[in-house]
N, C-alpha and C. Protein backbone atom coordinates (compact mmCIF):
# COMPACT_ATOMS: atom_id res chain seq x y z
N MET A 1 -49.35 15.70 38.79
CA MET A 1 -49.13 14.24 38.92
C MET A 1 -47.74 13.89 38.47
N ASN A 2 -47.02 13.12 39.18
CA ASN A 2 -45.77 12.67 38.81
C ASN A 2 -45.92 11.32 38.02
N ILE A 3 -45.54 11.30 36.81
CA ILE A 3 -45.76 10.13 35.95
C ILE A 3 -44.80 9.00 36.42
N LEU A 4 -43.58 9.37 36.92
CA LEU A 4 -42.72 8.25 37.33
C LEU A 4 -43.24 7.39 38.43
N ARG A 5 -44.16 7.99 39.30
CA ARG A 5 -44.74 7.14 40.34
C ARG A 5 -45.63 6.10 39.80
N SER A 6 -46.24 6.32 38.72
CA SER A 6 -47.16 5.32 38.17
C SER A 6 -46.43 4.24 37.32
N VAL A 7 -45.15 4.38 37.03
CA VAL A 7 -44.35 3.36 36.25
C VAL A 7 -43.50 2.64 37.28
N ASN A 8 -43.36 1.33 37.07
CA ASN A 8 -42.48 0.51 37.91
C ASN A 8 -41.05 0.83 37.41
N PRO A 9 -40.21 1.31 38.39
CA PRO A 9 -38.82 1.64 38.04
C PRO A 9 -38.08 0.52 37.35
N GLY A 10 -38.36 -0.74 37.72
CA GLY A 10 -37.64 -1.78 37.19
C GLY A 10 -37.89 -2.01 35.66
N ARG A 11 -39.08 -1.63 35.32
CA ARG A 11 -39.51 -1.69 33.90
C ARG A 11 -38.77 -0.72 32.98
N VAL A 12 -38.49 0.48 33.53
CA VAL A 12 -37.79 1.55 32.78
C VAL A 12 -36.36 1.36 32.70
N VAL A 13 -35.75 0.77 33.75
CA VAL A 13 -34.28 0.66 33.78
C VAL A 13 -33.73 -0.40 32.74
N TRP A 14 -34.37 -1.54 32.70
CA TRP A 14 -33.85 -2.60 31.80
C TRP A 14 -33.94 -2.26 30.33
N PRO A 15 -34.89 -1.66 29.82
CA PRO A 15 -34.92 -1.24 28.50
C PRO A 15 -33.90 -0.16 28.20
N VAL A 16 -33.67 0.79 29.08
CA VAL A 16 -32.67 1.79 28.95
C VAL A 16 -31.24 1.21 28.95
N LEU A 17 -31.02 0.26 29.80
CA LEU A 17 -29.71 -0.45 29.86
C LEU A 17 -29.48 -1.28 28.66
N ALA A 18 -30.48 -1.87 28.05
CA ALA A 18 -30.36 -2.67 26.87
C ALA A 18 -29.96 -1.75 25.68
N VAL A 19 -30.65 -0.58 25.57
CA VAL A 19 -30.32 0.35 24.47
C VAL A 19 -28.87 0.80 24.65
N LEU A 20 -28.43 1.13 25.87
CA LEU A 20 -27.07 1.60 26.10
C LEU A 20 -26.05 0.59 25.77
N ALA A 21 -26.39 -0.73 26.12
CA ALA A 21 -25.53 -1.88 25.72
C ALA A 21 -25.30 -2.00 24.32
N VAL A 22 -26.41 -1.97 23.52
CA VAL A 22 -26.35 -2.02 22.13
C VAL A 22 -25.54 -0.87 21.49
N ALA A 23 -25.73 0.30 22.01
CA ALA A 23 -25.01 1.50 21.50
C ALA A 23 -23.56 1.31 21.82
N LEU A 24 -23.25 0.94 23.01
CA LEU A 24 -21.83 0.66 23.36
C LEU A 24 -21.18 -0.41 22.52
N ALA A 25 -21.87 -1.45 22.23
CA ALA A 25 -21.25 -2.54 21.38
C ALA A 25 -21.03 -2.02 20.03
N THR A 26 -21.99 -1.19 19.46
CA THR A 26 -21.81 -0.62 18.07
C THR A 26 -20.58 0.26 18.03
N VAL A 27 -20.44 1.06 19.11
CA VAL A 27 -19.25 1.98 19.13
C VAL A 27 -17.94 1.15 19.13
N ILE A 28 -17.88 0.12 19.97
CA ILE A 28 -16.71 -0.71 19.96
C ILE A 28 -16.40 -1.33 18.68
N VAL A 29 -17.44 -1.91 18.05
CA VAL A 29 -17.28 -2.61 16.77
C VAL A 29 -16.85 -1.71 15.67
N MET A 30 -17.37 -0.44 15.63
CA MET A 30 -17.12 0.50 14.61
C MET A 30 -15.95 1.40 14.88
N SER A 31 -15.15 1.20 15.99
CA SER A 31 -14.13 2.06 16.33
C SER A 31 -12.97 1.83 15.35
N PRO A 32 -12.07 2.80 15.05
CA PRO A 32 -11.01 2.72 14.17
C PRO A 32 -9.99 1.64 14.54
N ARG A 33 -9.83 1.47 15.95
CA ARG A 33 -8.82 0.56 16.49
C ARG A 33 -9.23 -0.92 16.13
N ALA A 34 -10.53 -1.15 16.23
CA ALA A 34 -10.96 -2.53 15.96
C ALA A 34 -10.84 -2.75 14.42
N THR A 35 -11.17 -1.75 13.63
CA THR A 35 -10.97 -1.88 12.17
C THR A 35 -9.52 -1.99 11.72
N ALA A 36 -8.58 -1.29 12.37
CA ALA A 36 -7.24 -1.39 11.96
C ALA A 36 -6.61 -2.72 12.42
N GLN A 37 -7.20 -3.37 13.44
CA GLN A 37 -6.68 -4.65 13.82
C GLN A 37 -7.09 -5.70 12.90
N SER A 38 -8.20 -5.54 12.10
CA SER A 38 -8.66 -6.62 11.36
C SER A 38 -8.00 -6.68 9.96
N SER A 39 -7.28 -5.59 9.51
CA SER A 39 -6.57 -5.56 8.23
C SER A 39 -5.27 -4.99 8.40
N SER A 40 -4.17 -5.67 7.98
CA SER A 40 -2.86 -4.98 8.13
C SER A 40 -2.00 -5.63 7.06
N VAL A 41 -0.90 -4.90 6.86
CA VAL A 41 0.16 -5.31 5.79
C VAL A 41 1.46 -5.28 6.52
N GLU A 42 2.31 -6.32 6.29
CA GLU A 42 3.58 -6.29 6.91
C GLU A 42 4.60 -6.89 5.95
N TRP A 43 5.73 -6.14 5.71
CA TRP A 43 6.80 -6.49 4.80
C TRP A 43 7.66 -7.54 5.60
N GLU A 44 7.65 -8.78 5.08
CA GLU A 44 8.51 -9.82 5.68
C GLU A 44 9.94 -9.55 5.21
N THR A 45 10.16 -9.21 3.90
CA THR A 45 11.45 -8.79 3.40
C THR A 45 11.23 -7.60 2.47
N TYR A 46 12.22 -6.71 2.42
CA TYR A 46 12.21 -5.65 1.46
C TYR A 46 13.73 -5.32 1.15
N ASP A 47 14.13 -6.00 0.04
CA ASP A 47 15.50 -5.80 -0.34
C ASP A 47 15.60 -4.97 -1.59
N VAL A 48 16.63 -4.12 -1.68
CA VAL A 48 16.90 -3.34 -2.86
C VAL A 48 18.23 -3.56 -3.47
N ALA A 49 18.34 -3.93 -4.74
CA ALA A 49 19.56 -4.09 -5.37
C ALA A 49 19.84 -2.94 -6.38
N ILE A 50 20.92 -2.36 -6.45
CA ILE A 50 21.25 -1.23 -7.38
C ILE A 50 22.54 -1.72 -8.14
N ASP A 51 22.28 -1.63 -9.54
CA ASP A 51 23.47 -1.99 -10.36
C ASP A 51 23.87 -0.75 -11.22
N ILE A 52 25.00 -0.20 -10.90
CA ILE A 52 25.51 1.05 -11.50
C ILE A 52 26.21 0.68 -12.83
N ARG A 53 25.81 1.29 -13.93
CA ARG A 53 26.43 1.03 -15.22
C ARG A 53 27.54 2.05 -15.59
N GLU A 54 28.34 1.76 -16.59
CA GLU A 54 29.49 2.56 -16.97
C GLU A 54 28.97 4.01 -17.36
N ASP A 55 27.80 4.16 -17.96
CA ASP A 55 27.30 5.42 -18.37
C ASP A 55 26.69 6.24 -17.23
N GLY A 56 26.78 5.79 -16.04
CA GLY A 56 26.22 6.53 -14.83
C GLY A 56 24.72 6.19 -14.61
N SER A 57 24.08 5.54 -15.49
CA SER A 57 22.65 5.16 -15.28
C SER A 57 22.75 3.92 -14.28
N PHE A 58 21.65 3.54 -13.66
CA PHE A 58 21.59 2.36 -12.82
C PHE A 58 20.32 1.77 -12.78
N SER A 59 20.30 0.43 -12.56
CA SER A 59 19.05 -0.28 -12.50
C SER A 59 18.68 -0.51 -11.03
N VAL A 60 17.45 -0.56 -10.66
CA VAL A 60 17.03 -0.76 -9.31
C VAL A 60 16.00 -1.88 -9.38
N VAL A 61 16.22 -2.85 -8.42
CA VAL A 61 15.27 -3.92 -8.28
C VAL A 61 14.83 -4.00 -6.81
N GLU A 62 13.55 -3.80 -6.51
CA GLU A 62 13.05 -3.82 -5.17
C GLU A 62 12.29 -5.18 -5.13
N ASP A 63 12.77 -6.01 -4.15
CA ASP A 63 12.28 -7.34 -4.00
C ASP A 63 11.59 -7.43 -2.68
N GLN A 64 10.27 -7.62 -2.71
CA GLN A 64 9.52 -7.53 -1.44
C GLN A 64 8.64 -8.83 -1.21
N VAL A 65 8.64 -9.29 -0.11
CA VAL A 65 7.66 -10.35 0.36
C VAL A 65 6.72 -9.62 1.36
N VAL A 66 5.42 -9.62 1.05
CA VAL A 66 4.48 -8.88 1.83
C VAL A 66 3.43 -9.80 2.36
N ARG A 67 3.22 -9.72 3.65
CA ARG A 67 2.12 -10.58 4.26
C ARG A 67 0.93 -9.71 4.54
N PHE A 68 -0.21 -10.30 4.11
CA PHE A 68 -1.45 -9.49 4.18
C PHE A 68 -2.33 -10.16 5.23
N ASP A 69 -2.93 -9.38 6.16
CA ASP A 69 -3.88 -9.95 7.05
C ASP A 69 -5.22 -9.19 6.81
N GLY A 70 -5.82 -9.65 5.81
CA GLY A 70 -7.06 -9.01 5.31
C GLY A 70 -7.19 -9.18 3.88
N TYR A 71 -8.24 -8.48 3.31
CA TYR A 71 -8.50 -8.44 1.91
C TYR A 71 -7.83 -7.31 1.19
N PHE A 72 -6.86 -7.60 0.30
CA PHE A 72 -6.08 -6.60 -0.34
C PHE A 72 -6.03 -7.18 -1.89
N SER A 73 -6.01 -6.28 -2.83
CA SER A 73 -5.80 -6.78 -4.24
C SER A 73 -4.99 -5.80 -5.02
N ARG A 74 -4.42 -4.84 -4.51
CA ARG A 74 -3.56 -3.88 -5.17
C ARG A 74 -2.42 -3.30 -4.31
N GLY A 75 -1.47 -2.79 -4.98
CA GLY A 75 -0.30 -2.13 -4.32
C GLY A 75 0.08 -0.98 -5.10
N PHE A 76 1.02 -0.15 -4.62
CA PHE A 76 1.50 0.99 -5.35
C PHE A 76 2.88 1.34 -4.86
N ALA A 77 3.56 2.15 -5.68
CA ALA A 77 4.78 2.74 -5.37
C ALA A 77 4.87 4.17 -5.79
N GLU A 78 5.48 5.00 -5.09
CA GLU A 78 5.74 6.46 -5.48
C GLU A 78 7.17 6.73 -5.48
N ILE A 79 7.72 7.09 -6.62
CA ILE A 79 9.09 7.30 -6.74
C ILE A 79 9.32 8.90 -7.08
N PRO A 80 10.06 9.61 -6.23
CA PRO A 80 10.26 11.09 -6.52
C PRO A 80 11.19 11.16 -7.70
N LEU A 81 10.81 12.14 -8.57
CA LEU A 81 11.50 12.49 -9.77
C LEU A 81 12.33 13.78 -9.71
N ASP A 82 12.41 14.46 -8.60
CA ASP A 82 13.02 15.75 -8.55
C ASP A 82 14.61 15.71 -8.63
N ARG A 83 15.19 14.53 -8.49
CA ARG A 83 16.64 14.52 -8.57
C ARG A 83 17.15 13.47 -9.54
N VAL A 84 16.27 13.26 -10.57
CA VAL A 84 16.68 12.33 -11.68
C VAL A 84 16.23 12.92 -12.96
N ASP A 85 16.82 12.51 -14.04
CA ASP A 85 16.34 12.99 -15.34
C ASP A 85 15.10 12.19 -15.87
N THR A 86 15.21 10.85 -15.78
CA THR A 86 14.14 10.04 -16.11
C THR A 86 14.22 8.61 -15.48
N ILE A 87 13.03 7.97 -15.42
CA ILE A 87 13.02 6.54 -15.06
C ILE A 87 12.32 5.86 -16.11
N ASP A 88 12.95 4.70 -16.55
CA ASP A 88 12.35 3.99 -17.67
C ASP A 88 12.40 2.46 -17.46
N ASN A 89 11.92 1.71 -18.34
CA ASN A 89 11.95 0.23 -18.30
C ASN A 89 11.34 -0.35 -17.06
N ILE A 90 10.18 0.21 -16.63
CA ILE A 90 9.47 -0.21 -15.44
C ILE A 90 8.86 -1.62 -15.63
N ALA A 91 9.14 -2.55 -14.72
CA ALA A 91 8.53 -3.87 -14.81
C ALA A 91 8.13 -4.31 -13.42
N ILE A 92 7.14 -5.06 -13.37
CA ILE A 92 6.66 -5.65 -12.09
C ILE A 92 6.46 -7.15 -12.31
N VAL A 93 6.90 -7.97 -11.27
CA VAL A 93 6.61 -9.40 -11.29
C VAL A 93 5.96 -9.69 -9.93
N ILE A 94 4.76 -10.37 -10.09
CA ILE A 94 3.96 -10.73 -8.96
C ILE A 94 3.99 -12.25 -8.79
N ASP A 95 4.51 -12.70 -7.71
CA ASP A 95 4.59 -14.12 -7.44
C ASP A 95 5.10 -14.89 -8.58
N GLY A 96 6.25 -14.37 -9.14
CA GLY A 96 7.04 -15.05 -10.21
C GLY A 96 6.40 -14.84 -11.68
N VAL A 97 5.31 -14.10 -11.71
CA VAL A 97 4.66 -13.94 -13.11
C VAL A 97 4.78 -12.44 -13.50
N PRO A 98 5.41 -12.09 -14.60
CA PRO A 98 5.47 -10.75 -15.01
C PRO A 98 4.03 -10.09 -15.20
N ALA A 99 3.86 -8.93 -14.65
CA ALA A 99 2.67 -8.27 -14.79
C ALA A 99 2.61 -7.53 -16.18
N ARG A 100 1.45 -7.31 -16.71
CA ARG A 100 1.21 -6.68 -17.98
C ARG A 100 0.95 -5.19 -17.76
N PHE A 101 1.67 -4.38 -18.59
CA PHE A 101 1.42 -2.95 -18.60
C PHE A 101 0.07 -2.57 -19.19
N VAL A 102 -0.67 -1.76 -18.51
CA VAL A 102 -1.92 -1.22 -19.10
C VAL A 102 -1.86 0.34 -19.06
N ASP A 103 -2.24 0.98 -20.15
CA ASP A 103 -2.29 2.45 -20.16
C ASP A 103 -3.07 2.99 -19.12
N PRO A 104 -2.56 4.09 -18.45
CA PRO A 104 -3.34 4.66 -17.29
C PRO A 104 -4.77 5.00 -17.51
N GLY A 105 -5.11 5.44 -18.78
CA GLY A 105 -6.44 5.84 -19.07
C GLY A 105 -7.47 4.76 -19.10
N VAL A 106 -6.96 3.38 -19.16
CA VAL A 106 -7.85 2.31 -19.25
C VAL A 106 -7.62 1.29 -18.12
N TYR A 107 -6.76 1.58 -17.24
CA TYR A 107 -6.35 0.70 -16.07
C TYR A 107 -7.56 0.50 -15.20
N THR A 108 -7.91 -0.81 -14.90
CA THR A 108 -9.03 -1.12 -14.05
C THR A 108 -8.66 -2.10 -12.97
N GLU A 109 -7.42 -2.25 -12.59
CA GLU A 109 -6.92 -3.02 -11.53
C GLU A 109 -7.27 -4.54 -11.71
N VAL A 110 -7.10 -5.06 -12.90
CA VAL A 110 -7.29 -6.48 -13.21
C VAL A 110 -5.94 -7.17 -12.70
N PRO A 111 -6.21 -8.18 -11.83
CA PRO A 111 -5.08 -8.92 -11.29
C PRO A 111 -4.00 -9.23 -12.36
N GLY A 112 -2.69 -9.06 -12.06
CA GLY A 112 -1.65 -9.31 -12.98
C GLY A 112 -1.31 -8.15 -13.98
N THR A 113 -1.86 -7.01 -13.61
CA THR A 113 -1.60 -5.85 -14.52
C THR A 113 -0.99 -4.68 -13.63
N PHE A 114 -0.37 -3.68 -14.36
CA PHE A 114 0.10 -2.54 -13.68
C PHE A 114 0.11 -1.34 -14.57
N THR A 115 0.22 -0.24 -14.04
CA THR A 115 0.26 1.01 -14.85
C THR A 115 1.10 2.06 -14.05
N TYR A 116 1.48 3.09 -14.78
CA TYR A 116 2.26 4.17 -14.12
C TYR A 116 1.97 5.46 -14.86
N GLN A 117 2.18 6.56 -14.16
CA GLN A 117 2.07 7.86 -14.73
C GLN A 117 2.81 8.88 -13.84
N THR A 118 3.23 9.96 -14.39
CA THR A 118 3.86 11.06 -13.69
C THR A 118 2.84 12.02 -13.22
N ARG A 119 2.90 12.38 -11.93
CA ARG A 119 2.03 13.38 -11.32
C ARG A 119 2.89 14.31 -10.63
N GLY A 120 3.13 15.51 -11.24
CA GLY A 120 3.99 16.50 -10.71
C GLY A 120 5.41 16.00 -10.64
N SER A 121 5.99 15.88 -9.55
CA SER A 121 7.36 15.37 -9.45
C SER A 121 7.50 13.91 -8.87
N ILE A 122 6.39 13.20 -9.04
CA ILE A 122 6.27 11.81 -8.46
C ILE A 122 5.85 10.90 -9.67
N LEU A 123 6.53 9.76 -9.72
CA LEU A 123 6.13 8.64 -10.61
C LEU A 123 5.20 7.73 -9.78
N ASP A 124 3.94 7.65 -10.14
CA ASP A 124 3.02 6.78 -9.50
C ASP A 124 2.86 5.49 -10.23
N ILE A 125 3.12 4.37 -9.46
CA ILE A 125 3.03 3.03 -10.05
C ILE A 125 1.94 2.33 -9.28
N ASP A 126 0.95 1.73 -10.02
CA ASP A 126 -0.10 1.01 -9.37
C ASP A 126 -0.08 -0.41 -9.98
N TYR A 127 -0.30 -1.45 -9.14
CA TYR A 127 -0.38 -2.77 -9.66
C TYR A 127 -1.49 -3.59 -8.94
N ALA A 128 -2.00 -4.65 -9.64
CA ALA A 128 -3.08 -5.41 -8.95
C ALA A 128 -2.67 -6.83 -8.97
N PHE A 129 -3.19 -7.62 -8.05
CA PHE A 129 -2.85 -9.09 -7.92
C PHE A 129 -4.12 -9.73 -7.39
N GLU A 130 -4.19 -10.98 -7.41
CA GLU A 130 -5.25 -11.83 -6.89
C GLU A 130 -5.50 -11.41 -5.48
N PRO A 131 -6.80 -11.26 -5.08
CA PRO A 131 -7.18 -10.91 -3.70
C PRO A 131 -6.57 -11.77 -2.65
N THR A 132 -6.20 -11.20 -1.61
CA THR A 132 -5.59 -11.89 -0.48
C THR A 132 -6.65 -12.21 0.64
N SER A 133 -6.23 -13.06 1.58
CA SER A 133 -7.09 -13.25 2.76
C SER A 133 -6.07 -13.28 3.91
N PHE A 134 -6.52 -13.58 5.13
CA PHE A 134 -5.66 -13.45 6.26
C PHE A 134 -4.39 -14.35 6.19
N GLY A 135 -3.27 -13.82 6.39
CA GLY A 135 -1.99 -14.55 6.42
C GLY A 135 -1.34 -14.90 5.11
N GLU A 136 -1.92 -14.49 3.98
CA GLU A 136 -1.35 -14.79 2.68
C GLU A 136 -0.20 -13.76 2.38
N GLU A 137 0.72 -14.24 1.56
CA GLU A 137 1.89 -13.44 1.18
C GLU A 137 1.85 -13.34 -0.35
N ARG A 138 2.45 -12.17 -0.74
CA ARG A 138 2.67 -11.89 -2.17
C ARG A 138 4.12 -11.51 -2.34
N HIS A 139 4.82 -12.06 -3.39
CA HIS A 139 6.19 -11.74 -3.69
C HIS A 139 6.08 -10.73 -4.84
N ILE A 140 6.52 -9.46 -4.59
CA ILE A 140 6.48 -8.43 -5.55
C ILE A 140 7.83 -7.98 -5.83
N GLU A 141 8.09 -7.89 -7.14
CA GLU A 141 9.40 -7.44 -7.65
C GLU A 141 9.14 -6.21 -8.55
N LEU A 142 9.77 -5.09 -8.17
CA LEU A 142 9.57 -3.84 -8.97
C LEU A 142 11.00 -3.47 -9.47
N ALA A 143 11.07 -3.40 -10.81
CA ALA A 143 12.44 -3.10 -11.40
C ALA A 143 12.22 -1.85 -12.34
N TYR A 144 13.28 -1.05 -12.36
CA TYR A 144 13.35 0.14 -13.19
C TYR A 144 14.74 0.59 -13.35
N ASP A 145 14.91 1.44 -14.35
CA ASP A 145 16.23 2.00 -14.69
C ASP A 145 16.15 3.50 -14.44
N VAL A 146 17.24 4.08 -13.81
CA VAL A 146 17.29 5.47 -13.45
C VAL A 146 18.37 6.20 -14.28
N PHE A 147 17.99 7.22 -14.95
CA PHE A 147 18.97 8.00 -15.76
C PHE A 147 19.13 9.33 -15.21
N GLY A 148 20.30 9.81 -15.07
CA GLY A 148 20.58 11.14 -14.52
C GLY A 148 20.37 11.24 -13.02
N GLY A 149 20.51 10.16 -12.29
CA GLY A 149 20.19 10.13 -10.85
C GLY A 149 21.56 9.99 -10.11
N LEU A 150 22.61 9.73 -10.77
CA LEU A 150 23.94 9.58 -10.10
C LEU A 150 24.80 10.80 -10.32
N ARG A 151 25.30 11.49 -9.29
CA ARG A 151 26.19 12.62 -9.48
C ARG A 151 27.61 12.17 -9.24
N VAL A 152 28.52 12.58 -10.11
CA VAL A 152 29.90 12.27 -9.98
C VAL A 152 30.64 13.66 -10.05
N TYR A 153 31.49 13.84 -9.03
CA TYR A 153 32.30 15.14 -8.97
C TYR A 153 33.75 14.82 -9.11
N ASP A 154 34.20 14.66 -10.38
CA ASP A 154 35.69 14.30 -10.58
C ASP A 154 36.65 15.33 -10.11
N GLU A 155 36.28 16.64 -10.04
CA GLU A 155 37.24 17.71 -9.73
C GLU A 155 37.54 17.68 -8.20
N GLN A 156 36.85 16.97 -7.40
CA GLN A 156 37.15 16.87 -5.93
C GLN A 156 38.26 15.96 -5.66
N ASP A 157 39.00 16.20 -4.59
CA ASP A 157 40.11 15.32 -4.19
C ASP A 157 39.81 14.71 -2.89
N PRO A 158 39.56 13.44 -2.76
CA PRO A 158 39.50 12.49 -3.92
C PRO A 158 38.12 12.70 -4.61
N PRO A 159 38.04 12.11 -5.87
CA PRO A 159 36.77 12.34 -6.56
C PRO A 159 35.64 11.73 -5.77
N ASN A 160 34.53 12.38 -5.83
CA ASN A 160 33.28 11.99 -5.10
C ASN A 160 32.21 11.54 -6.01
């Protein structure tokens, strides 16, 4: 006996279509493309000022205005150390307010705080700010001093 003959085909098709529609809607909602569109970060400005001192060291100030479309509460910077002796005097200002340094071992991403540590040949800097929502901006200023990062070759003609 064929079971399909005893079932009304219209009754089978609609539930199957409904299940397929729900599955398709779930795939569309959960797709990476839809998720990526819901949260993004855009740098409105990213200016860097370098002040070279007589001793060859220099200060760096990275001045950023960042627009957030979504929920964000932290930022980071990674600075390579393989061509410098050391980086010191690290400071972060968030929306005009200096952030407070917290030792990496106890850092918990409290807004208005930052930490840093060396991992291999990278200086990792993490900082936290008040959570954002769509369209909000944060003004981030990262400053530090670089020692042993400037190479001068006096013996070349002209000096380089």
